PDB file of N, CA and C in Angstrom:
ATOM      1  N   MET A   1      -0.623  33.888 -48.031  1.00  0.00           N
ATOM      2  CA  MET A   1      -1.068  33.730 -46.537  1.00  0.00           C
ATOM      3  C   MET A   1      -0.257  34.634 -45.740  1.00  0.00           C
ATOM      4  N   GLU A   2      -1.038  35.498 -45.122  1.00  0.00           N
ATOM      5  CA  GLU A   2      -0.345  36.560 -44.063  1.00  0.00           C
ATOM      6  C   GLU A   2      -0.223  36.150 -42.707  1.00  0.00           C
ATOM      7  N   LEU A   3       1.120  35.981 -42.320  1.00  0.00           N
ATOM      8  CA  LEU A   3       1.514  35.535 -40.939  1.00  0.00           C
ATOM      9  C   LEU A   3       1.034  36.609 -39.545  1.00  0.00           C
ATOM     10  N   GLY A   4       1.172  37.743 -40.191  1.00  0.00           N
ATOM     11  CA  GLY A   4       0.979  38.708 -38.965  1.00  0.00           C
ATOM     12  C   GLY A   4       2.033  39.050 -38.212  1.00  0.00           C
ATOM     13  N   ASN A   5       1.967  39.793 -36.970  1.00  0.00           N
ATOM     14  CA  ASN A   5       3.037  39.880 -35.976  1.00  0.00           C
ATOM     15  C   ASN A   5       3.293  38.555 -35.237  1.00  0.00           C
ATOM     16  N   ILE A   6       4.419  38.045 -35.439  1.00  0.00           N
ATOM     17  CA  ILE A   6       4.700  36.758 -34.892  1.00  0.00           C
ATOM     18  C   ILE A   6       5.105  36.988 -33.506  1.00  0.00           C
ATOM     19  N   SER A   7       5.872  38.101 -32.874  1.00  0.00           N
ATOM     20  CA  SER A   7       6.278  38.213 -31.813  1.00  0.00           C
ATOM     21  C   SER A   7       5.050  38.604 -30.693  1.00  0.00           C
ATOM     22  N   LYS A   8       4.075  39.201 -31.287  1.00  0.00           N
ATOM     23  CA  LYS A   8       2.869  39.516 -30.475  1.00  0.00           C
ATOM     24  C   LYS A   8       1.634  39.144 -31.132  1.00  0.00           C
ATOM     25  N   PRO A   9       1.414  37.812 -31.123  1.00  0.00           N
ATOM     26  CA  PRO A   9       0.107  37.441 -31.982  1.00  0.00           C
ATOM     27  C   PRO A   9      -1.364  37.897 -31.604  1.00  0.00           C
ATOM     28  N   THR A  10      -2.117  38.132 -32.147  1.00  0.00           N
ATOM     29  CA  THR A  10      -3.645  38.187 -31.756  1.00  0.00           C
ATOM     30  C   THR A  10      -4.482  37.178 -32.016  1.00  0.00           C
ATOM     31  N   TYR A  11      -5.149  36.869 -31.046  1.00  0.00           N
ATOM     32  CA  TYR A  11      -6.070  35.580 -31.084  1.00  0.00           C
ATOM     33  C   TYR A  11      -7.462  35.852 -31.387  1.00  0.00           C
ATOM     34  N   GLY A  12      -8.219  35.080 -31.936  1.00  0.00           N
ATOM     35  CA  GLY A  12      -9.468  35.323 -32.114  1.00  0.00           C
ATOM     36  C   GLY A  12     -10.175  34.516 -30.992  1.00  0.00           C
ATOM     37  N   PRO A  13     -11.598  34.533 -31.397  1.00  0.00           N
ATOM     38  CA  PRO A  13     -12.366  33.615 -30.237  1.00  0.00           C
ATOM     39  C   PRO A  13     -11.962  32.296 -30.281  1.00  0.00           C
ATOM     40  N   GLY A  14     -12.381  31.607 -29.118  1.00  0.00           N
ATOM     41  CA  GLY A  14     -11.977  30.213 -28.848  1.00  0.00           C
ATOM     42  C   GLY A  14     -12.438  29.111 -29.972  1.00  0.00           C
ATOM     43  N   PRO A  15     -12.254  27.935 -29.744  1.00  0.00           N
ATOM     44  CA  PRO A  15     -12.417  27.063 -30.888  1.00  0.00           C
ATOM     45  C   PRO A  15     -13.920  26.724 -30.995  1.00  0.00           C
ATOM     46  N   GLU A  16     -14.347  26.521 -32.146  1.00  0.00           N
ATOM     47  CA  GLU A  16     -15.671  26.227 -32.367  1.00  0.00           C
ATOM     48  C   GLU A  16     -15.803  24.858 -32.987  1.00  0.00           C
ATOM     49  N   ALA A  17     -17.049  24.090 -32.700  1.00  0.00           N
ATOM     50  CA  ALA A  17     -17.235  22.859 -33.230  1.00  0.00           C
ATOM     51  C   ALA A  17     -17.389  23.061 -34.728  1.00  0.00           C
ATOM     52  N   PRO A  18     -16.692  22.290 -35.556  1.00  0.00           N
ATOM     53  CA  PRO A  18     -16.694  22.197 -36.803  1.00  0.00           C
ATOM     54  C   PRO A  18     -18.171  21.781 -37.414  1.00  0.00           C
ATOM     55  N   GLY A  19     -18.579  22.181 -38.525  1.00  0.00           N
ATOM     56  CA  GLY A  19     -19.807  21.790 -39.132  1.00  0.00           C
ATOM     57  C   GLY A  19     -19.526  20.148 -39.568  1.00  0.00           C
ATOM     58  N   SER A  20     -20.537  19.426 -39.122  1.00  0.00           N
ATOM     59  CA  SER A  20     -20.404  18.083 -39.442  1.00  0.00           C
ATOM     60  C   SER A  20     -21.530  17.304 -39.756  1.00  0.00           C
ATOM     61  N   SER A  21     -21.507  16.094 -40.268  1.00  0.00           N
ATOM     62  CA  SER A  21     -22.779  15.267 -40.520  1.00  0.00           C
ATOM     63  C   SER A  21     -23.167  14.567 -39.253  1.00  0.00           C
ATOM     64  N   THR A  22     -22.199  14.560 -38.368  1.00  0.00           N
ATOM     65  CA  THR A  22     -22.471  13.888 -36.893  1.00  0.00           C
ATOM     66  C   THR A  22     -22.296  14.868 -35.759  1.00  0.00           C
ATOM     67  N   PRO A  23     -23.263  15.802 -35.717  1.00  0.00           N
ATOM     68  CA  PRO A  23     -23.119  16.836 -34.554  1.00  0.00           C
ATOM     69  C   PRO A  23     -23.030  16.265 -33.149  1.00  0.00           C
ATOM     70  N   GLY A  24     -23.732  15.087 -33.121  1.00  0.00           N
ATOM     71  CA  GLY A  24     -23.943  14.520 -31.655  1.00  0.00           C
ATOM     72  C   GLY A  24     -22.471  14.063 -31.137  1.00  0.00           C
ATOM     73  N   LEU A  25     -21.812  13.302 -32.141  1.00  0.00           N
ATOM     74  CA  LEU A  25     -20.440  13.054 -31.590  1.00  0.00           C
ATOM     75  C   LEU A  25     -19.455  14.067 -31.439  1.00  0.00           C
ATOM     76  N   VAL A  26     -19.629  15.230 -32.337  1.00  0.00           N
ATOM     77  CA  VAL A  26     -18.792  16.356 -32.145  1.00  0.00           C
ATOM     78  C   VAL A  26     -19.122  17.057 -30.809  1.00  0.00           C
ATOM     79  N   ALA A  27     -20.336  17.175 -30.300  1.00  0.00           N
ATOM     80  CA  ALA A  27     -20.719  17.920 -29.153  1.00  0.00           C
ATOM     81  C   ALA A  27     -20.342  16.683 -28.134  1.00  0.00           C
ATOM     82  N   MET A  28     -20.269  15.565 -28.200  1.00  0.00           N
ATOM     83  CA  MET A  28     -19.805  14.782 -27.071  1.00  0.00           C
ATOM     84  C   MET A  28     -18.313  14.751 -26.785  1.00  0.00           C
ATOM     85  N   ALA A  29     -17.493  14.845 -27.994  1.00  0.00           N
ATOM     86  CA  ALA A  29     -16.152  14.996 -27.939  1.00  0.00           C
ATOM     87  C   ALA A  29     -15.951  16.381 -27.114  1.00  0.00           C
ATOM     88  N   HIS A  30     -16.390  17.485 -27.360  1.00  0.00           N
ATOM     89  CA  HIS A  30     -16.163  18.603 -27.007  1.00  0.00           C
ATOM     90  C   HIS A  30     -16.557  18.668 -25.592  1.00  0.00           C
ATOM     91  N   GLY A  31     -17.588  18.009 -25.088  1.00  0.00           N
ATOM     92  CA  GLY A  31     -18.115  17.833 -23.746  1.00  0.00           C
ATOM     93  C   GLY A  31     -17.017  17.195 -22.914  1.00  0.00           C
ATOM     94  N   PHE A  32     -16.604  16.150 -23.302  1.00  0.00           N
ATOM     95  CA  PHE A  32     -15.546  15.215 -22.663  1.00  0.00           C
ATOM     96  C   PHE A  32     -14.233  16.307 -22.569  1.00  0.00           C
ATOM     97  N   LEU A  33     -13.825  16.961 -23.502  1.00  0.00           N
ATOM     98  CA  LEU A  33     -12.656  17.852 -23.276  1.00  0.00           C
ATOM     99  C   LEU A  33     -12.845  18.771 -22.252  1.00  0.00           C
ATOM    100  N   ARG A  34     -14.017  19.397 -22.318  1.00  0.00           N
ATOM    101  CA  ARG A  34     -14.437  20.453 -21.430  1.00  0.00           C
ATOM    102  C   ARG A  34     -14.483  19.732 -20.010  1.00  0.00           C
ATOM    103  N   LEU A  35     -14.932  18.592 -19.798  1.00  0.00           N
ATOM    104  CA  LEU A  35     -14.940  17.974 -18.535  1.00  0.00           C
ATOM    105  C   LEU A  35     -13.571  17.624 -18.017  1.00  0.00           C
ATOM    106  N   VAL A  36     -12.611  17.058 -18.933  1.00  0.00           N
ATOM    107  CA  VAL A  36     -11.289  16.732 -18.642  1.00  0.00           C
ATOM    108  C   VAL A  36     -10.420  17.983 -18.255  1.00  0.00           C
ATOM    109  N   GLN A  37     -10.701  19.064 -19.019  1.00  0.00           N
ATOM    110  CA  GLN A  37      -9.686  20.158 -18.716  1.00  0.00           C
ATOM    111  C   GLN A  37     -10.571  21.558 -18.677  1.00  0.00           C
ATOM    112  N   PRO A  38     -11.283  21.741 -17.487  1.00  0.00           N
ATOM    113  CA  PRO A  38     -12.163  22.861 -17.165  1.00  0.00           C
ATOM    114  C   PRO A  38     -11.350  24.136 -16.863  1.00  0.00           C
ATOM    115  N   ASN A  39     -10.050  24.030 -16.555  1.00  0.00           N
ATOM    116  CA  ASN A  39      -9.379  25.142 -15.994  1.00  0.00           C
ATOM    117  C   ASN A  39      -8.706  25.996 -17.088  1.00  0.00           C
ATOM    118  N   ALA A  40      -8.423  27.188 -17.075  1.00  0.00           N
ATOM    119  CA  ALA A  40      -7.708  27.680 -18.153  1.00  0.00           C
ATOM    120  C   ALA A  40      -6.196  27.610 -17.836  1.00  0.00           C
ATOM    121  N   LEU A  41      -5.434  27.785 -19.011  1.00  0.00           N
ATOM    122  CA  LEU A  41      -3.987  27.623 -19.038  1.00  0.00           C
ATOM    123  C   LEU A  41      -3.462  28.685 -18.116  1.00  0.00           C
ATOM    124  N   PRO A  42      -2.561  28.414 -17.013  1.00  0.00           N
ATOM    125  CA  PRO A  42      -1.953  29.519 -16.293  1.00  0.00           C
ATOM    126  C   PRO A  42      -0.890  30.126 -17.184  1.00  0.00           C
ATOM    127  N   ILE A  43      -1.145  31.138 -17.902  1.00  0.00           N
ATOM    128  CA  ILE A  43      -0.145  31.875 -18.973  1.00  0.00           C
ATOM    129  C   ILE A  43       0.990  32.593 -18.024  1.00  0.00           C
ATOM    130  N   GLU A  44       0.717  33.019 -17.021  1.00  0.00           N
ATOM    131  CA  GLU A  44       1.719  33.655 -16.179  1.00  0.00           C
ATOM    132  C   GLU A  44       2.782  32.874 -15.823  1.00  0.00           C
ATOM    133  N   LEU A  45       2.550  31.565 -15.869  1.00  0.00           N
ATOM    134  CA  LEU A  45       3.660  30.488 -15.571  1.00  0.00           C
ATOM    135  C   LEU A  45       4.736  30.355 -16.764  1.00  0.00           C
ATOM    136  N   ILE A  46       4.200  30.567 -17.858  1.00  0.00           N
ATOM    137  CA  ILE A  46       5.013  30.393 -19.074  1.00  0.00           C
ATOM    138  C   ILE A  46       5.648  31.674 -19.448  1.00  0.00           C
ATOM    139  N   ASN A  47       6.946  31.858 -19.144  1.00  0.00           N
ATOM    140  CA  ASN A  47       7.550  33.218 -19.378  1.00  0.00           C
ATOM    141  C   ASN A  47       8.922  32.812 -20.095  1.00  0.00           C
ATOM    142  N   PHE A  48       8.941  33.141 -21.468  1.00  0.00           N
ATOM    143  CA  PHE A  48      10.176  32.831 -22.169  1.00  0.00           C
ATOM    144  C   PHE A  48      11.248  33.860 -22.293  1.00  0.00           C
ATOM    145  N   GLU A  49      10.917  35.039 -21.833  1.00  0.00           N
ATOM    146  CA  GLU A  49      11.738  36.159 -21.881  1.00  0.00           C
ATOM    147  C   GLU A  49      12.874  36.070 -20.790  1.00  0.00           C
ATOM    148  N   GLN A  50      12.531  35.585 -19.703  1.00  0.00           N
ATOM    149  CA  GLN A  50      13.597  35.286 -18.716  1.00  0.00           C
ATOM    150  C   GLN A  50      13.642  34.097 -18.278  1.00  0.00           C
ATOM    151  N   SER A  51      14.872  33.426 -18.042  1.00  0.00           N
ATOM    152  CA  SER A  51      14.961  32.107 -17.704  1.00  0.00           C
ATOM    153  C   SER A  51      14.785  31.844 -16.112  1.00  0.00           C
ATOM    154  N   GLN A  52      14.075  30.804 -15.815  1.00  0.00           N
ATOM    155  CA  GLN A  52      13.767  30.412 -14.505  1.00  0.00           C
ATOM    156  C   GLN A  52      14.533  29.246 -14.066  1.00  0.00           C
ATOM    157  N   SER A  53      15.077  29.084 -12.948  1.00  0.00           N
ATOM    158  CA  SER A  53      15.908  28.052 -12.486  1.00  0.00           C
ATOM    159  C   SER A  53      14.979  26.885 -11.995  1.00  0.00           C
ATOM    160  N   GLY A  54      13.715  27.095 -11.407  1.00  0.00           N
ATOM    161  CA  GLY A  54      12.882  26.247 -11.071  1.00  0.00           C
ATOM    162  C   GLY A  54      11.551  26.926 -10.699  1.00  0.00           C
ATOM    163  N   PHE A  55      10.725  26.128 -10.351  1.00  0.00           N
ATOM    164  CA  PHE A  55       9.221  26.281  -9.947  1.00  0.00           C
ATOM    165  C   PHE A  55       9.086  26.440  -8.464  1.00  0.00           C
ATOM    166  N   SER A  56       8.226  27.415  -8.080  1.00  0.00           N
ATOM    167  CA  SER A  56       7.779  27.381  -6.587  1.00  0.00           C
ATOM    168  C   SER A  56       6.915  26.215  -6.462  1.00  0.00           C
ATOM    169  N   GLN A  57       6.510  26.028  -5.109  1.00  0.00           N
ATOM    170  CA  GLN A  57       5.568  24.968  -4.864  1.00  0.00           C
ATOM    171  C   GLN A  57       4.223  25.450  -5.214  1.00  0.00           C
ATOM    172  N   GLU A  58       3.911  26.777  -5.217  1.00  0.00           N
ATOM    173  CA  GLU A  58       2.725  27.223  -5.684  1.00  0.00           C
ATOM    174  C   GLU A  58       2.500  27.108  -7.123  1.00  0.00           C
ATOM    175  N   GLU A  59       3.729  27.327  -7.893  1.00  0.00           N
ATOM    176  CA  GLU A  59       3.480  27.164  -9.360  1.00  0.00           C
ATOM    177  C   GLU A  59       3.282  25.695  -9.664  1.00  0.00           C
ATOM    178  N   ILE A  60       3.899  24.745  -8.905  1.00  0.00           N
ATOM    179  CA  ILE A  60       3.739  23.410  -9.313  1.00  0.00           C
ATOM    180  C   ILE A  60       2.192  23.023  -8.997  1.00  0.00           C
ATOM    181  N   ASN A  61       1.781  23.492  -7.856  1.00  0.00           N
ATOM    182  CA  ASN A  61       0.247  23.328  -7.455  1.00  0.00           C
ATOM    183  C   ASN A  61      -0.593  23.695  -8.654  1.00  0.00           C
ATOM    184  N   GLU A  62      -0.423  24.952  -9.190  1.00  0.00           N
ATOM    185  CA  GLU A  62      -1.229  25.410 -10.188  1.00  0.00           C
ATOM    186  C   GLU A  62      -1.106  24.543 -11.553  1.00  0.00           C
ATOM    187  N   LEU A  63       0.100  24.211 -11.922  1.00  0.00           N
ATOM    188  CA  LEU A  63       0.276  23.252 -12.969  1.00  0.00           C
ATOM    189  C   LEU A  63      -0.472  21.971 -12.973  1.00  0.00           C
ATOM    190  N   LEU A  64      -0.307  21.329 -11.750  1.00  0.00           N
ATOM    191  CA  LEU A  64      -0.986  20.161 -11.387  1.00  0.00           C
ATOM    192  C   LEU A  64      -2.531  20.245 -11.402  1.00  0.00           C
ATOM    193  N   LEU A  65      -3.150  21.347 -10.899  1.00  0.00           N
ATOM    194  CA  LEU A  65      -4.429  21.599 -11.022  1.00  0.00           C
ATOM    195  C   LEU A  65      -4.973  21.830 -12.522  1.00  0.00           C
ATOM    196  N   TYR A  66      -4.260  22.443 -13.378  1.00  0.00           N
ATOM    197  CA  TYR A  66      -4.479  22.485 -14.670  1.00  0.00           C
ATOM    198  C   TYR A  66      -4.440  21.234 -15.342  1.00  0.00           C
ATOM    199  N   GLU A  67      -3.450  20.201 -15.032  1.00  0.00           N
ATOM    200  CA  GLU A  67      -3.341  18.937 -15.687  1.00  0.00           C
ATOM    201  C   GLU A  67      -4.162  17.870 -14.996  1.00  0.00           C
ATOM    202  N   LEU A  68      -4.980  18.153 -14.026  1.00  0.00           N
ATOM    203  CA  LEU A  68      -5.785  17.357 -13.202  1.00  0.00           C
ATOM    204  C   LEU A  68      -6.611  16.257 -13.907  1.00  0.00           C
ATOM    205  N   GLY A  69      -7.235  16.733 -14.848  1.00  0.00           N
ATOM    206  CA  GLY A  69      -8.212  15.834 -15.632  1.00  0.00           C
ATOM    207  C   GLY A  69      -7.361  14.936 -16.459  1.00  0.00           C
ATOM    208  N   PHE A  70      -6.252  15.342 -17.127  1.00  0.00           N
ATOM    209  CA  PHE A  70      -5.555  14.297 -17.780  1.00  0.00           C
ATOM    210  C   PHE A  70      -4.795  13.284 -16.848  1.00  0.00           C
ATOM    211  N   LEU A  71      -4.329  14.010 -15.650  1.00  0.00           N
ATOM    212  CA  LEU A  71      -3.628  12.860 -14.835  1.00  0.00           C
ATOM    213  C   LEU A  71      -4.785  11.822 -14.359  1.00  0.00           C
ATOM    214  N   VAL A  72      -6.050  12.077 -13.989  1.00  0.00           N
ATOM    215  CA  VAL A  72      -6.980  11.188 -13.664  1.00  0.00           C
ATOM    216  C   VAL A  72      -7.323  10.192 -14.889  1.00  0.00           C
ATOM    217  N   CYS A  73      -7.373  10.818 -16.001  1.00  0.00           N
ATOM    218  CA  CYS A  73      -7.554   9.834 -17.119  1.00  0.00           C
ATOM    219  C   CYS A  73      -6.503   8.800 -17.341  1.00  0.00           C
ATOM    220  N   ALA A  74      -5.221   9.305 -17.206  1.00  0.00           N
ATOM    221  CA  ALA A  74      -4.007   8.569 -17.275  1.00  0.00           C
ATOM    222  C   ALA A  74      -3.912   7.365 -16.147  1.00  0.00           C
ATOM    223  N   ALA A  75      -4.449   7.709 -15.088  1.00  0.00           N
ATOM    224  CA  ALA A  75      -4.405   6.941 -13.796  1.00  0.00           C
ATOM    225  C   ALA A  75      -5.612   5.808 -14.078  1.00  0.00           C
ATOM    226  N   ILE A  76      -6.710   6.097 -14.684  1.00  0.00           N
ATOM    227  CA  ILE A  76      -7.683   5.172 -14.981  1.00  0.00           C
ATOM    228  C   ILE A  76      -7.219   4.236 -16.131  1.00  0.00           C
ATOM    229  N   GLY A  77      -6.526   4.807 -17.069  1.00  0.00           N
ATOM    230  CA  GLY A  77      -6.054   3.878 -18.131  1.00  0.00           C
ATOM    231  C   GLY A  77      -5.026   3.038 -17.575  1.00  0.00           C
ATOM    232  N   ILE A  78      -4.098   3.339 -16.806  1.00  0.00           N
ATOM    233  CA  ILE A  78      -3.010   2.462 -16.306  1.00  0.00           C
ATOM    234  C   ILE A  78      -3.637   1.411 -15.524  1.00  0.00           C
ATOM    235  N   LEU A  79      -4.628   1.839 -14.770  1.00  0.00           N
ATOM    236  CA  LEU A  79      -5.369   0.754 -13.860  1.00  0.00           C
ATOM    237  C   LEU A  79      -6.111  -0.128 -14.759  1.00  0.00           C
ATOM    238  N   LEU A  80      -6.728   0.168 -15.785  1.00  0.00           N
ATOM    239  CA  LEU A  80      -7.406  -0.723 -16.785  1.00  0.00           C
ATOM    240  C   LEU A  80      -6.430  -1.692 -17.410  1.00  0.00           C
ATOM    241  N   ILE A  81      -5.265  -1.019 -17.830  1.00  0.00           N
ATOM    242  CA  ILE A  81      -4.326  -1.965 -18.539  1.00  0.00           C
ATOM    243  C   ILE A  81      -3.741  -2.908 -17.519  1.00  0.00           C
ATOM    244  N   ILE A  82      -3.759  -2.666 -16.249  1.00  0.00           N
ATOM    245  CA  ILE A  82      -3.207  -3.815 -15.422  1.00  0.00           C
ATOM    246  C   ILE A  82      -4.451  -4.707 -15.016  1.00  0.00           C
ATOM    247  N   LEU A  83      -5.436  -4.211 -14.740  1.00  0.00           N
ATOM    248  CA  LEU A  83      -6.654  -4.940 -14.117  1.00  0.00           C
ATOM    249  C   LEU A  83      -7.471  -5.919 -15.312  1.00  0.00           C
ATOM    250  N   VAL A  84      -7.489  -5.428 -16.564  1.00  0.00           N
ATOM    251  CA  VAL A  84      -8.341  -6.204 -17.550  1.00  0.00           C
ATOM    252  C   VAL A  84      -7.502  -7.522 -17.805  1.00  0.00           C
ATOM    253  N   PRO A  85      -6.274  -7.434 -17.941  1.00  0.00           N
ATOM    254  CA  PRO A  85      -5.456  -8.850 -18.301  1.00  0.00           C
ATOM    255  C   PRO A  85      -5.453  -9.730 -17.031  1.00  0.00           C
ATOM    256  N   LEU A  86      -5.581  -9.095 -16.002  1.00  0.00           N
ATOM    257  CA  LEU A  86      -5.277  -9.869 -14.662  1.00  0.00           C
ATOM    258  C   LEU A  86      -6.776 -10.646 -14.351  1.00  0.00           C
ATOM    259  N   VAL A  87      -7.734  -9.909 -14.520  1.00  0.00           N
ATOM    260  CA  VAL A  87      -9.152 -10.375 -14.411  1.00  0.00           C
ATOM    261  C   VAL A  87      -9.388 -11.532 -15.540  1.00  0.00           C
ATOM    262  N   GLY A  88      -8.791 -11.271 -16.721  1.00  0.00           N
ATOM    263  CA  GLY A  88      -8.990 -12.132 -17.841  1.00  0.00           C
ATOM    264  C   GLY A  88      -8.420 -13.477 -17.442  1.00  0.00           C
ATOM    265  N   CYS A  89      -7.171 -13.400 -16.781  1.00  0.00           N
ATOM    266  CA  CYS A  89      -6.303 -14.416 -16.522  1.00  0.00           C
ATOM    267  C   CYS A  89      -7.043 -15.302 -15.499  1.00  0.00           C
ATOM    268  N   CYS A  90      -7.665 -14.540 -14.502  1.00  0.00           N
ATOM    269  CA  CYS A  90      -8.289 -15.240 -13.376  1.00  0.00           C
ATOM    270  C   CYS A  90      -9.640 -16.117 -13.966  1.00  0.00           C
ATOM    271  N   PHE A  91     -10.252 -15.490 -14.878  1.00  0.00           N
ATOM    272  CA  PHE A  91     -11.465 -16.165 -15.584  1.00  0.00           C
ATOM    273  C   PHE A  91     -11.031 -17.401 -16.159  1.00  0.00           C
ATOM    274  N   CYS A  92      -9.954 -17.289 -17.069  1.00  0.00           N
ATOM    275  CA  CYS A  92      -9.619 -18.368 -17.847  1.00  0.00           C
ATOM    276  C   CYS A  92      -8.915 -19.613 -17.063  1.00  0.00           C
ATOM    277  N   CYS A  93      -8.077 -19.138 -15.991  1.00  0.00           N
ATOM    278  CA  CYS A  93      -7.241 -20.189 -15.267  1.00  0.00           C
ATOM    279  C   CYS A  93      -8.145 -20.628 -14.090  1.00  0.00           C
ATOM    280  N   CYS A  94      -8.772 -19.885 -13.508  1.00  0.00           N
ATOM    281  CA  CYS A  94      -9.538 -20.233 -12.285  1.00  0.00           C
ATOM    282  C   CYS A  94     -10.936 -20.331 -12.442  1.00  0.00           C
ATOM    283  N   ARG A  95     -11.509 -21.269 -13.255  1.00  0.00           N
ATOM    284  CA  ARG A  95     -12.911 -21.404 -13.708  1.00  0.00           C
ATOM    285  C   ARG A  95     -13.738 -22.244 -12.510  1.00  0.00           C
ATOM    286  N   CYS A  96     -13.722 -21.563 -11.364  1.00  0.00           N
ATOM    287  CA  CYS A  96     -14.334 -22.321 -10.507  1.00  0.00           C
ATOM    288  C   CYS A  96     -15.367 -21.378  -9.792  1.00  0.00           C
TER     289      CYS A  96
END
C-alpha cells in the first residue's frame, strides 16, 4: 500500500454512495447528512503551522454556522430525552 506524500496529500472526488442491496436506505442516509451539514468545512480556520491564541468572533460564527445542523439535531435529541419520560410519567400517574 502506497501512502504518497503525507505532508501535502492529494484528494480525489467526494464520497460516493457504496453499491448496496438497499439503495433507498443509502440515498436516505446521504440525503439526511447533506441536510444536516450543507456547508463546506472552513479550511482556512484550521491552521496547524502557526499557533493561534484564540478565535475571533467572526471565526466563531463561521464554525457555528458549519456545525448548525448538528447543533439543531442535538437540541432536538436533548428535548426528546427530557420530554418523552415526562409525558410518559404524566400519562401513567395522571390518568384523568
